[in-house]
Amino acid sequence: MRFAVKKICAGGAKARAGLLQIGSSSVETPALLLSTRKGLPAFMSCDLLSSLPLPDSLLLNVCPTHFIEGPPSKTLSNIGGLHRMLGLPDHILVATAGEPIESLPSSEASNKFGASFETPSGRKLVKPSDYMELISSMKPDLWASLADEVPAWVNEKRNKTSVDRTLRWLDACIALDAAVGANGLGVVVGGSSIEQRKLCATEVSKRNVSGFWIGGFGLGESVEERCNLLNAVTDCLPSEKPRIVSRLGLPEEVLEGVASGIDLFDSTYIYQLTMGGFALIFPVDMVEREMQNGVVDSSAGDSTKINLRATTYRKDTSRIVDSCTCFTCQNHTRAYLNHLLNVHEMLAQILLEIHNTHHYLRFFRSIREAIKDGEFDLFWKQFVENRRSQIAAAVL
């Protein structure tokens, strides 16, 4: 793996544009890791995945704990790993222990032996040796070590324990994989404690890892706490290695993360939108923001998304977003999607996930362009101001 920072924001933010290269594949950052279920997005097959913008859609987040119940590790290993099993040789697979939909970290049940996760098949305790066995059979391009993630409301003693366990498990994972320096990511935890976050970041930086996974967010912290914690952590991390953060998915959260120097984002935001019947509509660059003057019915969504289940769209023959070039917008109308959702047709989720993924990847591309042009601060400011003004208009 190779990573290089190409441009750093000149303003007050620490936003940076970079290039991540793994094998023959390369992706510009900041970028989005697409959430998957056993290697593929929830509603997209391999052929549909190829319809998404390239190379932006090459990054896939896979969760090893999804494979605890099968297929067996030996079977995965004999196949040749996930790339071979999924038929995605050029995609970049990034493995992380937990995710907030089907493998939620359970801090109460974690202990000194391993991390606990709530899964569809019950609560599972995963030890470093078990975890590395899964990693070895999956053969991902990058993987994050096992971590003890805790919510924001735990006390300082529990935060310290989470850091101690995470560092100990990282050392155990390194000992179990001699090639960790080539593709291992050290996890930074510490809950809502800035002191413990800094300590963890400093200690992880001393290990032989190729990047950093900043975990423990989206677990009850306030917006102000999150900004302070992110900035404190990134200040302690070396600039030449990529930083990945989990569970920050809202557009505003992504912009905050980028401003703090985050390179990659792991989020289930698209999945949650799709399951709710929502379609993203917010303008993805400054030009679109200036051109947009339509009013969204507040009962059917907001300035970021629309609820296509609403009766408002029953006879709406327009595209979800006029300027969108995704398969859904080029071939189907809001009325058709409204029909599919209300008759519970599974095609609705497929078409929605295609659009939402395509739209969000365009958003990340606009962020990268703003950084390269030295206009990220302006981009961020205009986005937030536009969002606030539309919310205020909807309330009135």
Protein backbone atom coordinates (compact mmCIF):
# COMPACT_ATOMS: atom_id res chain seq x y z
CA MET A 1 0.00 0.00 0.00
CA ARG A 2 1.14 3.52 -0.81
CA PHE A 3 -0.43 6.76 0.33
CA ALA A 4 0.59 10.30 -0.53
CA VAL A 5 -0.87 13.65 0.47
CA LYS A 6 -1.15 15.79 -2.68
CA LYS A 7 -2.74 18.98 -1.35
CA ILE A 8 -3.35 20.49 2.09
CA CYS A 9 -6.00 23.12 2.68
CA ALA A 10 -4.49 26.57 3.19
CA GLY A 11 -7.30 27.83 5.42
CA GLY A 12 -8.08 27.14 9.05
CA ALA A 13 -9.15 23.56 8.33
CA LYS A 14 -6.72 20.64 8.05
CA ALA A 15 -8.45 19.20 4.98
CA ARG A 16 -6.17 17.35 2.61
CA ALA A 17 -6.40 15.59 -0.73
CA GLY A 18 -4.37 12.45 -1.26
CA LEU A 19 -3.92 9.32 -3.33
CA LEU A 20 -4.25 5.76 -2.00
CA GLN A 21 -2.65 3.06 -4.15
CA ILE A 22 -3.05 -0.66 -3.55
CA GLY A 23 -1.79 -2.95 -6.27
CA SER A 24 -3.04 -1.70 -9.62
CA SER A 25 -5.93 0.25 -8.07
CA SER A 26 -5.75 3.84 -6.90
CA VAL A 27 -8.36 6.07 -5.27
CA GLU A 28 -8.21 9.77 -4.53
CA THR A 29 -9.04 10.90 -1.00
CA PRO A 30 -11.11 12.06 0.86
CA ALA A 31 -13.22 9.08 -0.15
CA LEU A 32 -16.10 6.91 1.00
CA LEU A 33 -15.87 3.26 2.01
CA LEU A 34 -19.02 1.58 0.75
CA SER A 35 -20.77 -0.42 3.47
CA THR A 36 -21.30 -4.07 2.56
CA ARG A 37 -22.90 -7.30 3.75
CA LYS A 38 -20.35 -10.09 3.30
CA GLY A 39 -18.51 -8.07 0.70
CA LEU A 40 -21.24 -6.48 -1.42
CA PRO A 41 -23.56 -3.51 -0.82
CA ALA A 42 -26.84 -4.63 0.70
CA PHE A 43 -28.90 -4.38 -2.50
CA MET A 44 -26.34 -4.45 -5.31
CA SER A 45 -24.83 -7.41 -7.11
CA CYS A 46 -21.42 -7.37 -8.79
CA ASP A 47 -22.81 -6.28 -12.16
CA LEU A 48 -24.69 -3.36 -10.60
CA LEU A 49 -21.63 -2.39 -8.56
CA SER A 50 -19.72 -1.93 -11.81
CA SER A 51 -22.24 0.72 -12.90
CA LEU A 52 -21.07 3.10 -10.16
CA PRO A 53 -18.47 5.80 -10.88
CA LEU A 54 -14.91 4.52 -11.06
CA PRO A 55 -12.48 4.62 -9.35
CA ASP A 56 -14.56 6.25 -6.58
CA SER A 57 -16.55 3.06 -5.94
CA LEU A 58 -13.53 0.76 -5.61
CA LEU A 59 -13.38 1.04 -1.81
CA LEU A 60 -15.48 -1.56 0.02
CA ASN A 61 -15.73 -1.99 3.76
CA VAL A 62 -16.08 -5.64 4.80
CA CYS A 63 -16.79 -6.90 8.30
CA PRO A 64 -15.03 -10.13 9.35
CA THR A 65 -17.64 -10.82 12.03
CA HIS A 66 -20.23 -11.25 9.26
CA PHE A 67 -18.36 -14.44 8.36
CA ILE A 68 -18.36 -16.00 11.83
CA GLU A 69 -21.35 -18.18 10.93
CA GLY A 70 -20.04 -19.03 7.48
CA PRO A 71 -18.69 -19.74 5.04
CA PRO A 72 -15.95 -21.46 7.09
CA SER A 73 -12.55 -19.81 7.20
CA LYS A 74 -10.98 -22.84 5.53
CA THR A 75 -13.42 -22.57 2.62
CA LEU A 76 -12.68 -18.86 2.19
CA SER A 77 -8.97 -19.54 2.28
CA ASN A 78 -9.21 -22.37 -0.27
CA ILE A 79 -11.16 -20.13 -2.64
CA GLY A 80 -8.36 -17.58 -2.42
CA GLY A 81 -9.97 -14.92 -0.25
CA LEU A 82 -12.83 -12.48 -0.70
CA HIS A 83 -11.55 -10.99 -3.94
CA ARG A 84 -11.80 -14.37 -5.63
CA MET A 85 -15.07 -15.34 -3.96
CA LEU A 86 -16.80 -12.08 -4.93
CA GLY A 87 -15.22 -11.77 -8.36
CA LEU A 88 -13.88 -8.29 -7.58
CA PRO A 89 -10.14 -8.46 -8.27
CA ASP A 90 -9.68 -4.70 -8.70
CA HIS A 91 -11.68 -3.49 -5.71
CA ILE A 92 -9.98 -2.47 -2.48
CA LEU A 93 -11.38 -4.42 0.46
CA VAL A 94 -10.94 -2.86 3.90
CA ALA A 95 -11.84 -5.10 6.85
CA THR A 96 -13.06 -3.77 10.21
CA ALA A 97 -14.27 -5.78 13.18
CA GLY A 98 -17.66 -4.15 13.72
CA GLU A 99 -20.32 -2.05 12.05
CA PRO A 100 -23.54 -0.50 13.40
CA ILE A 101 -26.12 -2.61 11.56
CA GLU A 102 -25.38 -6.31 11.95
CA SER A 103 -22.25 -6.35 14.10
CA LEU A 104 -22.61 -3.65 16.72
CA PRO A 105 -19.80 -3.43 19.30
CA SER A 106 -21.03 -4.30 22.79
CA SER A 107 -18.76 -2.58 25.30
CA GLU A 108 -20.59 -4.03 28.31
CA ALA A 109 -19.85 -7.61 27.27
CA SER A 110 -16.27 -7.07 26.08
CA ASN A 111 -13.57 -8.31 28.43
CA LYS A 112 -9.81 -8.74 28.59
CA PHE A 113 -9.99 -11.74 26.29
CA GLY A 114 -11.76 -10.12 23.35
CA ALA A 115 -14.34 -7.73 21.92
CA SER A 116 -18.05 -8.51 21.98
CA PHE A 117 -20.44 -7.86 19.09
CA GLU A 118 -24.21 -8.03 18.75
CA THR A 119 -24.93 -10.03 15.60
CA PRO A 120 -28.09 -11.50 14.01
CA SER A 121 -27.05 -14.86 15.44
CA GLY A 122 -26.54 -13.52 18.96
CA ARG A 123 -23.75 -11.93 20.95
CA LYS A 124 -20.29 -13.05 19.90
CA LEU A 125 -17.00 -12.67 21.77
CA VAL A 126 -14.14 -12.35 19.29
CA LYS A 127 -10.58 -12.93 20.49
CA PRO A 128 -7.54 -11.60 18.60
CA SER A 129 -6.64 -15.13 17.47
CA ASP A 130 -10.18 -15.71 16.13
CA TYR A 131 -10.15 -12.35 14.41
CA MET A 132 -6.81 -12.91 12.73
CA GLU A 133 -7.95 -16.31 11.51
CA LEU A 134 -10.83 -14.57 9.73
CA ILE A 135 -8.49 -11.91 8.34
CA SER A 136 -6.07 -14.55 7.10
CA SER A 137 -8.80 -16.40 5.22
CA MET A 138 -10.45 -13.25 3.80
CA LYS A 139 -7.19 -11.71 2.55
CA PRO A 140 -8.41 -8.08 2.51
CA ASP A 141 -6.21 -5.31 1.16
CA LEU A 142 -6.34 -3.44 4.48
CA TRP A 143 -7.63 -4.46 7.88
CA ALA A 144 -8.14 -2.71 11.20
CA SER A 145 -7.08 -4.43 14.39
CA LEU A 146 -9.57 -5.58 17.02
CA ALA A 147 -10.68 -2.72 19.28
CA ASP A 148 -12.63 -2.11 22.47
CA GLU A 149 -14.97 0.72 21.46
CA VAL A 150 -16.95 2.44 24.20
CA PRO A 151 -19.81 4.98 24.13
CA ALA A 152 -19.36 8.60 25.14
CA TRP A 153 -21.04 8.28 28.53
CA VAL A 154 -18.63 5.81 30.18
CA ASN A 155 -16.29 7.00 32.93
CA GLU A 156 -12.58 7.75 32.67
CA LYS A 157 -11.60 4.38 34.09
CA ARG A 158 -13.53 2.56 31.37
CA ASN A 159 -11.97 4.81 28.71
CA LYS A 160 -8.51 3.91 30.00
CA THR A 161 -9.41 0.22 29.97
CA SER A 162 -10.56 0.47 26.35
CA VAL A 163 -7.24 2.02 25.34
CA ASP A 164 -5.21 -0.59 27.23
CA ARG A 165 -7.17 -3.46 25.69
CA THR A 166 -7.03 -2.03 22.18
CA LEU A 167 -3.25 -1.57 22.35
CA ARG A 168 -2.79 -5.06 23.76
CA TRP A 169 -4.98 -6.57 21.04
CA LEU A 170 -3.10 -4.60 18.38
CA ASP A 171 0.16 -6.08 19.60
CA ALA A 172 -1.43 -9.54 19.55
CA CYS A 173 -2.66 -9.03 15.98
CA ILE A 174 0.79 -7.86 14.90
CA ALA A 175 2.35 -10.93 16.48
CA LEU A 176 -0.10 -13.16 14.61
CA ASP A 177 0.55 -11.57 11.22
CA ALA A 178 4.12 -10.97 10.14
CA ALA A 179 2.96 -8.89 7.16
CA VAL A 180 0.98 -6.42 9.26
CA GLY A 181 3.16 -3.48 8.25
CA ALA A 182 1.95 -3.86 4.68
CA ASN A 183 -1.78 -3.71 5.32
CA GLY A 184 -2.61 -3.34 9.02
CA LEU A 185 -4.45 -0.35 10.49
CA GLY A 186 -4.05 0.61 14.14
CA VAL A 187 -7.30 1.58 15.87
CA VAL A 188 -7.54 4.74 17.99
CA VAL A 189 -10.13 4.66 20.79
CA GLY A 190 -10.66 6.39 24.12
CA GLY A 191 -14.33 7.34 24.20
CA SER A 192 -14.98 11.00 24.97
CA SER A 193 -11.69 11.48 26.82
CA ILE A 194 -9.29 13.73 24.92
CA GLU A 195 -6.42 12.61 27.14
CA GLN A 196 -7.02 8.92 26.45
CA ARG A 197 -7.55 9.57 22.74
CA LYS A 198 -4.21 11.36 22.52
CA LEU A 199 -2.50 8.60 24.47
CA CYS A 200 -3.94 5.92 22.23
CA ALA A 201 -3.05 7.81 19.04
CA THR A 202 0.51 8.36 20.23
CA GLU A 203 0.99 4.71 21.20
CA VAL A 204 -0.57 3.33 18.03
CA SER A 205 1.70 5.59 15.97
CA LYS A 206 4.69 3.78 17.47
CA ARG A 207 3.51 0.43 16.12
CA ASN A 208 4.29 -0.97 12.70
CA VAL A 209 1.00 -0.07 11.01
CA SER A 210 0.26 1.37 7.59
CA GLY A 211 -2.59 3.64 8.66
CA PHE A 212 -5.06 4.52 11.38
CA TRP A 213 -8.69 3.68 12.03
CA ILE A 214 -10.31 6.20 14.38
CA GLY A 215 -13.11 4.33 16.11
CA GLY A 216 -15.63 4.97 18.84
CA PHE A 217 -17.56 7.77 17.13
CA GLY A 218 -21.30 7.86 16.57
CA LEU A 219 -21.78 6.43 20.06
CA GLY A 220 -23.38 9.34 21.88
CA GLU A 221 -20.84 12.14 21.66
CA SER A 222 -21.99 15.70 20.96
CA VAL A 223 -21.01 17.59 17.81
CA GLU A 224 -18.66 19.81 19.79
CA GLU A 225 -17.05 16.82 21.51
CA ARG A 226 -16.59 15.07 18.18
CA CYS A 227 -14.78 18.02 16.61
CA ASN A 228 -12.47 18.41 19.59
CA LEU A 229 -11.72 14.69 19.73
CA LEU A 230 -11.04 14.41 16.00
CA ASN A 231 -8.67 17.37 16.02
CA ALA A 232 -6.89 16.08 19.11
CA VAL A 233 -6.37 12.66 17.51
CA THR A 234 -5.24 13.85 14.08
CA ASP A 235 -2.75 16.23 15.69
CA CYS A 236 -1.04 13.17 17.21
CA LEU A 237 -0.94 11.07 14.04
CA PRO A 238 1.80 11.17 11.39
CA SER A 239 0.68 12.96 8.25
CA GLU A 240 2.13 10.45 5.78
CA LYS A 241 -0.32 7.67 6.67
CA PRO A 242 -4.05 7.51 5.88
CA ARG A 243 -6.68 8.15 8.55
CA ILE A 244 -10.05 6.44 8.48
CA VAL A 245 -13.02 7.26 10.70
CA SER A 246 -16.10 5.15 11.36
CA ARG A 247 -19.80 6.04 11.66
CA LEU A 248 -19.62 9.63 10.42
CA GLY A 249 -22.05 9.64 7.53
CA LEU A 250 -24.17 12.78 7.41
CA PRO A 251 -22.89 15.39 4.93
CA GLU A 252 -22.19 17.82 7.77
CA GLU A 253 -20.30 15.13 9.69
CA VAL A 254 -18.23 14.27 6.64
CA LEU A 255 -17.26 17.90 6.15
CA GLU A 256 -16.28 18.17 9.82
CA GLY A 257 -14.15 15.05 9.45
CA VAL A 258 -12.47 16.32 6.29
CA ALA A 259 -11.74 19.62 8.03
CA SER A 260 -10.02 17.63 10.80
CA GLY A 261 -7.76 15.83 8.32
CA ILE A 262 -9.64 12.55 7.80
CA ASP A 263 -9.00 10.72 4.52
CA LEU A 264 -11.54 7.87 4.41
CA PHE A 265 -15.04 7.49 5.84
CA ASP A 266 -16.74 4.24 6.80
CA SER A 267 -20.48 4.79 7.07
CA THR A 268 -23.82 2.99 6.82
CA TYR A 269 -25.57 6.26 5.94
CA ILE A 270 -26.49 5.12 2.42
CA TYR A 271 -27.90 1.85 3.72
CA GLN A 272 -30.01 3.61 6.34
CA LEU A 273 -31.37 6.09 3.80
CA THR A 274 -32.23 3.32 1.38
CA MET A 275 -34.01 1.24 4.01
CA GLY A 276 -36.07 4.28 4.97
CA GLY A 277 -37.13 4.98 1.38
CA PHE A 278 -35.13 8.20 1.20
CA ALA A 279 -33.28 9.58 -1.82
CA LEU A 280 -30.46 12.11 -1.59
CA ILE A 281 -31.14 15.36 -3.43
CA PHE A 282 -28.78 17.95 -1.93
CA PRO A 283 -26.58 19.89 -4.38
CA VAL A 284 -23.10 18.43 -4.39
CA ASP A 285 -21.05 21.45 -5.45
CA MET A 286 -21.12 25.22 -5.20
CA VAL A 287 -22.47 25.68 -8.73
CA GLU A 288 -25.47 23.46 -8.04
CA ARG A 289 -26.05 25.24 -4.74
CA GLU A 290 -26.31 28.57 -6.52
CA MET A 291 -28.66 27.14 -9.15
CA GLN A 292 -30.99 25.30 -6.80
CA ASN A 293 -34.09 27.34 -6.06
CA GLY A 294 -36.76 24.69 -5.72
CA VAL A 295 -38.69 24.17 -2.51
CA VAL A 296 -38.92 20.72 -0.98
CA ASP A 297 -42.14 19.69 0.73
CA SER A 298 -41.09 19.43 4.39
CA SER A 299 -43.60 16.65 4.99
CA ALA A 300 -41.83 14.50 2.42
CA GLY A 301 -38.20 15.14 3.36
CA ASP A 302 -35.79 18.01 3.84
CA SER A 303 -33.13 19.86 1.87
CA THR A 304 -30.84 16.83 1.99
CA LYS A 305 -33.21 14.02 1.08
CA ILE A 306 -36.78 13.24 0.09
CA ASN A 307 -39.04 10.47 1.32
CA LEU A 308 -40.20 8.72 -1.82
CA ARG A 309 -42.87 6.82 0.10
CA ALA A 310 -44.81 10.07 0.51
CA THR A 311 -47.97 10.60 -1.54
CA THR A 312 -46.45 13.86 -2.81
CA TYR A 313 -44.47 11.83 -5.34
CA ARG A 314 -47.23 9.48 -6.47
CA LYS A 315 -47.66 11.32 -9.79
CA ASP A 316 -44.27 13.04 -9.96
CA THR A 317 -42.76 12.08 -13.32
CA SER A 318 -39.47 13.92 -12.78
CA ARG A 319 -36.12 12.35 -11.98
CA ILE A 320 -34.89 12.21 -8.40
CA VAL A 321 -32.18 14.73 -9.35
CA ASP A 322 -32.23 16.26 -12.82
CA SER A 323 -28.45 16.53 -13.12
CA CYS A 324 -27.75 13.01 -11.82
CA THR A 325 -26.32 10.53 -14.32
CA CYS A 326 -26.94 7.36 -12.32
CA PHE A 327 -28.89 4.44 -13.79
CA THR A 328 -31.91 5.18 -11.60
CA CYS A 329 -32.26 8.83 -12.57
CA GLN A 330 -31.62 8.13 -16.24
CA ASN A 331 -34.30 5.44 -16.47
CA HIS A 332 -36.92 5.93 -13.76
CA THR A 333 -39.11 8.58 -12.15
CA ARG A 334 -40.01 9.52 -8.61
CA ALA A 335 -43.53 8.22 -9.23
CA TYR A 336 -42.22 4.79 -10.22
CA LEU A 337 -40.04 4.57 -7.12
CA ASN A 338 -42.98 5.70 -4.98
CA HIS A 339 -45.02 2.84 -6.45
CA LEU A 340 -42.27 0.28 -5.86
CA LEU A 341 -41.83 1.35 -2.25
CA ASN A 342 -45.52 1.29 -1.45
CA VAL A 343 -46.06 -2.18 -2.90
CA HIS A 344 -42.92 -3.39 -1.08
CA GLU A 345 -41.10 -4.39 -4.24
CA MET A 346 -37.42 -5.18 -3.62
CA LEU A 347 -36.42 -3.35 -6.81
CA ALA A 348 -37.12 -0.11 -4.92
CA GLN A 349 -34.15 -0.63 -2.59
CA ILE A 350 -31.90 -1.62 -5.49
CA LEU A 351 -32.68 1.54 -7.46
CA LEU A 352 -32.48 3.74 -4.38
CA GLU A 353 -29.12 2.36 -3.31
CA ILE A 354 -27.73 2.94 -6.81
CA HIS A 355 -28.85 6.57 -6.74
CA ASN A 356 -27.82 7.31 -3.16
CA THR A 357 -24.40 5.76 -3.63
CA HIS A 358 -23.82 7.58 -6.92
CA HIS A 359 -24.94 10.89 -5.41
CA TYR A 360 -22.77 10.56 -2.32
CA LEU A 361 -19.72 9.62 -4.36
CA ARG A 362 -20.26 12.82 -6.37
CA PHE A 363 -20.35 14.71 -3.07
CA PHE A 364 -16.94 13.33 -2.13
CA ARG A 365 -15.59 14.20 -5.56
CA SER A 366 -16.75 17.80 -5.07
CA ILE A 367 -14.98 17.89 -1.70
CA ARG A 368 -11.74 16.77 -3.34
CA GLU A 369 -12.07 19.37 -6.07
CA ALA A 370 -12.70 22.10 -3.49
CA ILE A 371 -9.53 21.11 -1.61
CA LYS A 372 -7.46 21.05 -4.79
CA ASP A 373 -8.78 24.48 -5.77
CA GLY A 374 -8.07 25.87 -2.31
CA GLU A 375 -11.77 26.52 -1.70
CA PHE A 376 -12.68 23.91 0.90
CA ASP A 377 -13.40 26.46 3.64
CA LEU A 378 -15.77 28.29 1.29
CA PHE A 379 -17.36 25.01 0.16
CA TRP A 380 -17.92 23.96 3.78
CA LYS A 381 -19.29 27.36 4.80
CA GLN A 382 -21.69 27.57 1.86
CA PHE A 383 -22.93 24.04 2.40
CA VAL A 384 -23.71 24.62 6.07
CA GLU A 385 -25.29 28.03 5.46
CA ASN A 386 -27.44 26.66 2.66
CA ARG A 387 -28.54 23.78 4.87
CA ARG A 388 -29.46 26.09 7.75
CA SER A 389 -31.37 28.51 5.55
CA GLN A 390 -33.43 25.71 4.02
CA ILE A 391 -34.22 24.24 7.44
CA ALA A 392 -35.28 27.69 8.67
CA ALA A 393 -37.48 28.17 5.59
CA ALA A 394 -39.11 24.78 6.13
CA VAL A 395 -39.89 25.62 9.77
CA LEU A 396 -41.47 28.93 8.80
